[in-house]
Amino acid sequence: MDRSPKQKHSIRLPVLPFSVRVFLATAAILLLLYYSIVPAPGSGGISSGPFGIFPYSMWLHFLGYMGLAVALSYATFHLDYSRSQLLIGVFFITVGFGALIELLQYTLPTRTFSLVDILVNTIGAATGVALWHLTDRVIGFAK
């Protein structure tokens, strides 16, 4: 993997085996899919998220897709592509998955399609990719 310019890290985090990383990314995908299709019990009772600024559902979308982007970045960390290629790929896969979920929700009577949700998913994906990039540059991962 091209890591130029070469970086030296004082702290290096271990990388879990590939099968574990794939399991974590798959679990993130399945959890997002499940909770995007099945209404959570009692989810209608919470209207605003932390600080009362944005609705609770926006926080869930943001955190869910940020987490998915981090999980996919971690799962693909070892692949023989440049860091930018991997992160751009993870970003588009995460955003594409979110858009497909929204299209699926359009067909479900208990769910609704929302462009705002796609926007929040995109912001979450970008934040997750940025967090991964920052963590990789500042701390690094041992192979």
N, C-alpha and C. Protein backbone atom coordinates (compact mmCIF):
# COMPACT_ATOMS: atom_id res chain seq x y z
N MET A 1 0.85 -1.16 0.00
CA MET A 1 0.00 0.00 0.00
C MET A 1 0.89 1.22 0.00
N ASP A 2 0.63 2.15 -0.88
CA ASP A 2 1.42 3.36 -0.98
C ASP A 2 1.08 4.29 0.18
N ARG A 3 2.06 4.55 1.01
CA ARG A 3 1.87 5.42 2.18
C ARG A 3 2.80 6.62 2.10
N SER A 4 3.18 7.04 0.89
CA SER A 4 4.11 8.14 0.79
C SER A 4 3.41 9.46 1.06
N PRO A 5 4.04 10.44 1.69
CA PRO A 5 5.38 10.28 2.23
C PRO A 5 5.37 9.34 3.42
N LYS A 6 6.50 8.65 3.60
CA LYS A 6 6.58 7.67 4.70
C LYS A 6 6.41 8.39 6.03
N GLN A 7 5.62 7.77 6.89
CA GLN A 7 5.30 8.39 8.16
C GLN A 7 5.86 7.54 9.29
N LYS A 8 6.27 8.22 10.34
CA LYS A 8 6.71 7.53 11.54
C LYS A 8 5.73 7.88 12.64
N HIS A 9 5.24 6.87 13.31
CA HIS A 9 4.26 7.06 14.36
C HIS A 9 4.86 6.60 15.68
N SER A 10 4.63 7.39 16.72
CA SER A 10 5.11 6.98 18.03
C SER A 10 4.17 5.93 18.63
N ILE A 11 2.92 5.96 18.23
CA ILE A 11 1.93 4.98 18.68
C ILE A 11 1.40 4.27 17.45
N ARG A 12 1.34 2.95 17.51
CA ARG A 12 0.76 2.19 16.41
C ARG A 12 -0.24 1.21 16.99
N LEU A 13 -1.44 1.26 16.47
CA LEU A 13 -2.50 0.37 16.93
C LEU A 13 -2.45 -0.94 16.14
N PRO A 14 -2.71 -2.06 16.78
CA PRO A 14 -2.72 -3.34 16.05
C PRO A 14 -3.95 -3.43 15.14
N VAL A 15 -3.80 -4.17 14.08
CA VAL A 15 -4.91 -4.40 13.15
C VAL A 15 -5.43 -5.81 13.40
N LEU A 16 -6.73 -5.92 13.63
CA LEU A 16 -7.34 -7.23 13.83
C LEU A 16 -7.27 -8.05 12.55
N PRO A 17 -7.39 -9.37 12.63
CA PRO A 17 -7.38 -10.20 11.42
C PRO A 17 -8.49 -9.77 10.44
N PHE A 18 -8.21 -10.00 9.17
CA PHE A 18 -9.13 -9.59 8.11
C PHE A 18 -10.54 -10.14 8.33
N SER A 19 -10.65 -11.39 8.74
CA SER A 19 -11.98 -11.99 8.94
C SER A 19 -12.77 -11.25 10.02
N VAL A 20 -12.10 -10.79 11.05
CA VAL A 20 -12.77 -10.03 12.12
C VAL A 20 -13.21 -8.67 11.60
N ARG A 21 -12.35 -8.03 10.82
CA ARG A 21 -12.70 -6.71 10.26
C ARG A 21 -13.88 -6.82 9.30
N VAL A 22 -13.90 -7.87 8.48
CA VAL A 22 -15.03 -8.08 7.57
C VAL A 22 -16.30 -8.36 8.36
N PHE A 23 -16.19 -9.14 9.42
CA PHE A 23 -17.35 -9.42 10.27
C PHE A 23 -17.91 -8.12 10.85
N LEU A 24 -17.05 -7.24 11.35
CA LEU A 24 -17.50 -5.97 11.93
C LEU A 24 -18.18 -5.09 10.88
N ALA A 25 -17.61 -5.02 9.69
CA ALA A 25 -18.22 -4.21 8.62
C ALA A 25 -19.56 -4.81 8.19
N THR A 26 -19.63 -6.13 8.09
CA THR A 26 -20.88 -6.79 7.73
C THR A 26 -21.94 -6.58 8.80
N ALA A 27 -21.54 -6.64 10.05
CA ALA A 27 -22.48 -6.39 11.15
C ALA A 27 -23.01 -4.97 11.08
N ALA A 28 -22.16 -4.00 10.76
CA ALA A 28 -22.61 -2.61 10.63
C ALA A 28 -23.62 -2.48 9.50
N ILE A 29 -23.35 -3.12 8.38
CA ILE A 29 -24.26 -3.08 7.23
C ILE A 29 -25.61 -3.70 7.60
N LEU A 30 -25.57 -4.87 8.22
CA LEU A 30 -26.82 -5.56 8.56
C LEU A 30 -27.62 -4.80 9.62
N LEU A 31 -26.96 -4.20 10.59
CA LEU A 31 -27.67 -3.40 11.59
C LEU A 31 -28.34 -2.19 10.96
N LEU A 32 -27.62 -1.50 10.09
CA LEU A 32 -28.23 -0.35 9.41
C LEU A 32 -29.41 -0.78 8.55
N LEU A 33 -29.25 -1.88 7.83
CA LEU A 33 -30.34 -2.39 7.00
C LEU A 33 -31.55 -2.75 7.85
N TYR A 34 -31.33 -3.49 8.93
CA TYR A 34 -32.43 -3.91 9.79
C TYR A 34 -33.18 -2.71 10.37
N TYR A 35 -32.45 -1.79 10.96
CA TYR A 35 -33.12 -0.66 11.61
C TYR A 35 -33.64 0.37 10.62
N SER A 36 -33.25 0.24 9.35
CA SER A 36 -33.82 1.10 8.32
C SER A 36 -35.13 0.55 7.78
N ILE A 37 -35.35 -0.74 7.97
CA ILE A 37 -36.56 -1.39 7.45
C ILE A 37 -37.60 -1.58 8.55
N VAL A 38 -37.16 -2.01 9.71
CA VAL A 38 -38.07 -2.31 10.81
C VAL A 38 -38.12 -1.11 11.76
N PRO A 39 -39.29 -0.53 11.97
CA PRO A 39 -39.38 0.59 12.91
C PRO A 39 -39.00 0.13 14.32
N ALA A 40 -38.12 0.88 14.96
CA ALA A 40 -37.70 0.54 16.31
C ALA A 40 -38.84 0.80 17.28
N PRO A 41 -39.08 -0.11 18.23
CA PRO A 41 -40.16 0.11 19.20
C PRO A 41 -39.87 1.35 20.05
N GLY A 42 -40.85 2.22 20.16
CA GLY A 42 -40.70 3.42 20.96
C GLY A 42 -39.90 4.52 20.30
N SER A 43 -39.48 4.33 19.04
CA SER A 43 -38.65 5.34 18.39
C SER A 43 -39.41 6.62 18.10
N GLY A 44 -40.72 6.56 18.05
CA GLY A 44 -41.50 7.77 17.80
C GLY A 44 -41.60 8.67 19.01
N GLY A 45 -41.19 8.18 20.18
CA GLY A 45 -41.31 8.97 21.40
C GLY A 45 -40.21 9.98 21.60
N ILE A 46 -39.07 9.84 20.92
CA ILE A 46 -37.95 10.76 21.08
C ILE A 46 -37.93 11.68 19.87
N SER A 47 -38.03 12.98 20.11
CA SER A 47 -38.11 13.90 18.98
C SER A 47 -36.81 14.65 18.72
N SER A 48 -36.07 15.01 19.75
CA SER A 48 -34.84 15.76 19.49
C SER A 48 -33.64 15.03 20.07
N GLY A 49 -32.52 15.24 19.41
CA GLY A 49 -31.29 14.58 19.83
C GLY A 49 -30.55 15.41 20.87
N PRO A 50 -29.27 15.09 21.07
CA PRO A 50 -28.46 15.83 22.03
C PRO A 50 -28.46 17.33 21.72
N PHE A 51 -28.50 18.11 22.75
CA PHE A 51 -28.49 19.58 22.67
C PHE A 51 -29.77 20.15 22.07
N GLY A 52 -30.72 19.32 21.67
CA GLY A 52 -31.99 19.79 21.12
C GLY A 52 -31.86 20.50 19.79
N ILE A 53 -30.73 20.34 19.11
CA ILE A 53 -30.49 21.09 17.87
C ILE A 53 -31.09 20.37 16.66
N PHE A 54 -30.80 19.10 16.53
CA PHE A 54 -31.28 18.32 15.39
C PHE A 54 -32.18 17.21 15.89
N PRO A 55 -33.10 16.76 15.04
CA PRO A 55 -33.97 15.65 15.43
C PRO A 55 -33.16 14.38 15.72
N TYR A 56 -33.70 13.58 16.59
CA TYR A 56 -33.08 12.31 17.00
C TYR A 56 -32.74 11.45 15.78
N SER A 57 -33.65 11.39 14.81
CA SER A 57 -33.41 10.55 13.63
C SER A 57 -32.18 11.01 12.85
N MET A 58 -31.93 12.32 12.82
CA MET A 58 -30.74 12.81 12.12
C MET A 58 -29.46 12.33 12.81
N TRP A 59 -29.47 12.36 14.13
CA TRP A 59 -28.31 11.86 14.87
C TRP A 59 -28.09 10.38 14.58
N LEU A 60 -29.17 9.61 14.53
CA LEU A 60 -29.03 8.18 14.24
C LEU A 60 -28.45 7.95 12.85
N HIS A 61 -28.95 8.70 11.87
CA HIS A 61 -28.42 8.58 10.50
C HIS A 61 -26.95 8.96 10.47
N PHE A 62 -26.62 10.10 11.06
CA PHE A 62 -25.24 10.59 11.06
C PHE A 62 -24.30 9.57 11.71
N LEU A 63 -24.63 9.14 12.91
CA LEU A 63 -23.77 8.20 13.63
C LEU A 63 -23.69 6.84 12.95
N GLY A 64 -24.82 6.38 12.41
CA GLY A 64 -24.84 5.08 11.74
C GLY A 64 -23.94 5.05 10.52
N TYR A 65 -24.02 6.07 9.68
CA TYR A 65 -23.22 6.08 8.46
C TYR A 65 -21.78 6.50 8.71
N MET A 66 -21.54 7.27 9.76
CA MET A 66 -20.17 7.54 10.18
C MET A 66 -19.53 6.22 10.64
N GLY A 67 -20.26 5.45 11.43
CA GLY A 67 -19.75 4.17 11.90
C GLY A 67 -19.51 3.19 10.77
N LEU A 68 -20.41 3.17 9.80
CA LEU A 68 -20.23 2.28 8.65
C LEU A 68 -18.97 2.66 7.87
N ALA A 69 -18.76 3.95 7.66
CA ALA A 69 -17.57 4.40 6.93
C ALA A 69 -16.29 4.00 7.67
N VAL A 70 -16.29 4.13 8.98
CA VAL A 70 -15.12 3.73 9.77
C VAL A 70 -14.93 2.21 9.67
N ALA A 71 -16.01 1.45 9.80
CA ALA A 71 -15.92 -0.02 9.73
C ALA A 71 -15.41 -0.47 8.36
N LEU A 72 -15.90 0.14 7.29
CA LEU A 72 -15.43 -0.23 5.95
C LEU A 72 -13.98 0.20 5.73
N SER A 73 -13.60 1.35 6.26
CA SER A 73 -12.21 1.80 6.15
C SER A 73 -11.29 0.82 6.86
N TYR A 74 -11.70 0.38 8.02
CA TYR A 74 -10.90 -0.57 8.80
C TYR A 74 -10.83 -1.92 8.10
N ALA A 75 -11.94 -2.35 7.53
CA ALA A 75 -11.98 -3.66 6.84
C ALA A 75 -11.09 -3.67 5.60
N THR A 76 -10.99 -2.55 4.92
CA THR A 76 -10.23 -2.49 3.66
C THR A 76 -8.83 -1.93 3.84
N PHE A 77 -8.42 -1.69 5.07
CA PHE A 77 -7.15 -1.04 5.37
C PHE A 77 -5.96 -1.70 4.68
N HIS A 78 -5.94 -3.02 4.61
CA HIS A 78 -4.79 -3.76 4.10
C HIS A 78 -4.72 -3.84 2.58
N LEU A 79 -5.78 -3.48 1.88
CA LEU A 79 -5.81 -3.65 0.43
C LEU A 79 -4.71 -2.83 -0.25
N ASP A 80 -4.24 -3.33 -1.36
CA ASP A 80 -3.10 -2.73 -2.03
C ASP A 80 -3.53 -1.60 -2.97
N TYR A 81 -4.09 -0.57 -2.39
CA TYR A 81 -4.46 0.65 -3.10
C TYR A 81 -3.94 1.83 -2.30
N SER A 82 -3.87 2.98 -2.91
CA SER A 82 -3.44 4.16 -2.16
C SER A 82 -4.50 4.51 -1.12
N ARG A 83 -4.09 5.23 -0.10
CA ARG A 83 -5.01 5.65 0.95
C ARG A 83 -6.19 6.44 0.36
N SER A 84 -5.89 7.34 -0.56
CA SER A 84 -6.98 8.16 -1.13
C SER A 84 -7.95 7.31 -1.94
N GLN A 85 -7.45 6.33 -2.69
CA GLN A 85 -8.35 5.46 -3.45
C GLN A 85 -9.27 4.68 -2.52
N LEU A 86 -8.71 4.15 -1.44
CA LEU A 86 -9.52 3.38 -0.49
C LEU A 86 -10.58 4.27 0.16
N LEU A 87 -10.19 5.45 0.60
CA LEU A 87 -11.13 6.31 1.32
C LEU A 87 -12.22 6.85 0.39
N ILE A 88 -11.85 7.17 -0.84
CA ILE A 88 -12.87 7.61 -1.80
C ILE A 88 -13.83 6.46 -2.09
N GLY A 89 -13.30 5.26 -2.26
CA GLY A 89 -14.15 4.09 -2.49
C GLY A 89 -15.08 3.84 -1.32
N VAL A 90 -14.56 3.90 -0.10
CA VAL A 90 -15.38 3.70 1.09
C VAL A 90 -16.47 4.76 1.16
N PHE A 91 -16.12 6.00 0.87
CA PHE A 91 -17.11 7.08 0.91
C PHE A 91 -18.26 6.80 -0.06
N PHE A 92 -17.94 6.47 -1.30
CA PHE A 92 -19.00 6.24 -2.29
C PHE A 92 -19.80 4.98 -2.01
N ILE A 93 -19.16 3.95 -1.50
CA ILE A 93 -19.91 2.73 -1.14
C ILE A 93 -20.88 3.04 0.00
N THR A 94 -20.42 3.78 0.99
CA THR A 94 -21.27 4.12 2.14
C THR A 94 -22.44 5.00 1.70
N VAL A 95 -22.18 6.02 0.91
CA VAL A 95 -23.25 6.90 0.43
C VAL A 95 -24.20 6.13 -0.48
N GLY A 96 -23.67 5.28 -1.35
CA GLY A 96 -24.52 4.48 -2.23
C GLY A 96 -25.42 3.54 -1.45
N PHE A 97 -24.87 2.93 -0.41
CA PHE A 97 -25.67 2.05 0.44
C PHE A 97 -26.81 2.83 1.09
N GLY A 98 -26.50 4.01 1.60
CA GLY A 98 -27.54 4.85 2.22
C GLY A 98 -28.62 5.25 1.23
N ALA A 99 -28.22 5.58 0.00
CA ALA A 99 -29.21 5.95 -1.02
C ALA A 99 -30.08 4.75 -1.39
N LEU A 100 -29.48 3.57 -1.49
CA LEU A 100 -30.27 2.37 -1.79
C LEU A 100 -31.27 2.07 -0.67
N ILE A 101 -30.85 2.27 0.57
CA ILE A 101 -31.76 2.07 1.71
C ILE A 101 -32.94 3.03 1.61
N GLU A 102 -32.66 4.28 1.27
CA GLU A 102 -33.75 5.26 1.13
C GLU A 102 -34.71 4.85 0.01
N LEU A 103 -34.18 4.36 -1.09
CA LEU A 103 -35.05 3.89 -2.18
C LEU A 103 -35.88 2.69 -1.73
N LEU A 104 -35.29 1.81 -0.96
CA LEU A 104 -36.02 0.67 -0.41
C LEU A 104 -37.13 1.16 0.52
N GLN A 105 -36.84 2.15 1.34
CA GLN A 105 -37.84 2.69 2.26
C GLN A 105 -39.03 3.30 1.52
N TYR A 106 -38.79 3.80 0.33
CA TYR A 106 -39.87 4.37 -0.48
C TYR A 106 -40.95 3.32 -0.77
N THR A 107 -40.54 2.05 -0.86
CA THR A 107 -41.49 0.98 -1.19
C THR A 107 -42.18 0.40 0.04
N LEU A 108 -41.76 0.80 1.23
CA LEU A 108 -42.31 0.23 2.46
C LEU A 108 -43.38 1.14 3.06
N PRO A 109 -44.52 0.56 3.45
CA PRO A 109 -45.61 1.39 3.97
C PRO A 109 -45.29 2.05 5.32
N THR A 110 -44.38 1.47 6.10
CA THR A 110 -44.08 2.03 7.42
C THR A 110 -42.87 2.96 7.41
N ARG A 111 -42.27 3.18 6.25
CA ARG A 111 -41.08 4.03 6.14
C ARG A 111 -41.30 5.09 5.07
N THR A 112 -40.43 6.08 5.06
CA THR A 112 -40.53 7.15 4.06
C THR A 112 -39.17 7.41 3.43
N PHE A 113 -39.20 7.87 2.19
CA PHE A 113 -38.00 8.29 1.47
C PHE A 113 -37.71 9.73 1.85
N SER A 114 -36.43 10.06 2.05
CA SER A 114 -36.07 11.43 2.43
C SER A 114 -34.72 11.81 1.84
N LEU A 115 -34.70 12.90 1.06
CA LEU A 115 -33.44 13.42 0.56
C LEU A 115 -32.59 13.98 1.70
N VAL A 116 -33.24 14.48 2.73
CA VAL A 116 -32.50 14.99 3.90
C VAL A 116 -31.73 13.84 4.56
N ASP A 117 -32.35 12.67 4.64
CA ASP A 117 -31.65 11.51 5.20
C ASP A 117 -30.41 11.16 4.37
N ILE A 118 -30.53 11.23 3.06
CA ILE A 118 -29.38 10.95 2.19
C ILE A 118 -28.28 11.97 2.44
N LEU A 119 -28.66 13.23 2.61
CA LEU A 119 -27.68 14.28 2.89
C LEU A 119 -26.98 14.02 4.23
N VAL A 120 -27.75 13.68 5.25
CA VAL A 120 -27.17 13.41 6.57
C VAL A 120 -26.29 12.16 6.52
N ASN A 121 -26.72 11.14 5.78
CA ASN A 121 -25.89 9.94 5.60
C ASN A 121 -24.55 10.31 4.94
N THR A 122 -24.61 11.19 3.95
CA THR A 122 -23.41 11.62 3.24
C THR A 122 -22.46 12.37 4.17
N ILE A 123 -23.02 13.24 5.00
CA ILE A 123 -22.19 13.97 5.97
C ILE A 123 -21.58 13.00 6.98
N GLY A 124 -22.36 12.02 7.41
CA GLY A 124 -21.84 11.00 8.32
C GLY A 124 -20.72 10.20 7.68
N ALA A 125 -20.91 9.80 6.42
CA ALA A 125 -19.88 9.04 5.70
C ALA A 125 -18.60 9.86 5.56
N ALA A 126 -18.74 11.12 5.20
CA ALA A 126 -17.57 11.99 5.05
C ALA A 126 -16.85 12.16 6.39
N THR A 127 -17.60 12.29 7.45
CA THR A 127 -17.00 12.43 8.78
C THR A 127 -16.27 11.15 9.18
N GLY A 128 -16.87 10.00 8.90
CA GLY A 128 -16.22 8.72 9.21
C GLY A 128 -14.93 8.53 8.45
N VAL A 129 -14.95 8.86 7.16
CA VAL A 129 -13.74 8.75 6.34
C VAL A 129 -12.67 9.72 6.85
N ALA A 130 -13.08 10.94 7.20
CA ALA A 130 -12.12 11.93 7.71
C ALA A 130 -11.53 11.47 9.05
N LEU A 131 -12.36 10.91 9.92
CA LEU A 131 -11.86 10.41 11.20
C LEU A 131 -10.86 9.28 10.99
N TRP A 132 -11.18 8.38 10.06
CA TRP A 132 -10.26 7.28 9.78
C TRP A 132 -8.94 7.83 9.24
N HIS A 133 -9.02 8.75 8.31
CA HIS A 133 -7.82 9.34 7.71
C HIS A 133 -6.97 10.02 8.79
N LEU A 134 -7.60 10.79 9.65
CA LEU A 134 -6.88 11.48 10.72
C LEU A 134 -6.23 10.48 11.69
N THR A 135 -6.99 9.47 12.08
CA THR A 135 -6.45 8.46 12.99
C THR A 135 -5.27 7.73 12.36
N ASP A 136 -5.39 7.40 11.09
CA ASP A 136 -4.32 6.69 10.39
C ASP A 136 -3.07 7.57 10.28
N ARG A 137 -3.25 8.84 10.03
CA ARG A 137 -2.10 9.75 9.89
C ARG A 137 -1.44 10.06 11.23
N VAL A 138 -2.25 10.26 12.26
CA VAL A 138 -1.70 10.68 13.55
C VAL A 138 -1.17 9.49 14.35
N ILE A 139 -1.93 8.40 14.37
CA ILE A 139 -1.54 7.26 15.20
C ILE A 139 -0.91 6.16 14.36
N GLY A 140 -1.59 5.74 13.32
CA GLY A 140 -1.08 4.66 12.48
C GLY A 140 -1.52 3.29 12.97
N PHE A 141 -1.41 2.31 12.10
CA PHE A 141 -1.81 0.95 12.40
C PHE A 141 -0.69 0.00 12.04
N ALA A 142 -0.35 -0.88 12.96
CA ALA A 142 0.69 -1.88 12.72
C ALA A 142 0.12 -3.00 11.88
N LYS A 143 0.93 -3.56 11.05
CA LYS A 143 0.46 -4.68 10.22
C LYS A 143 1.12 -5.95 10.66
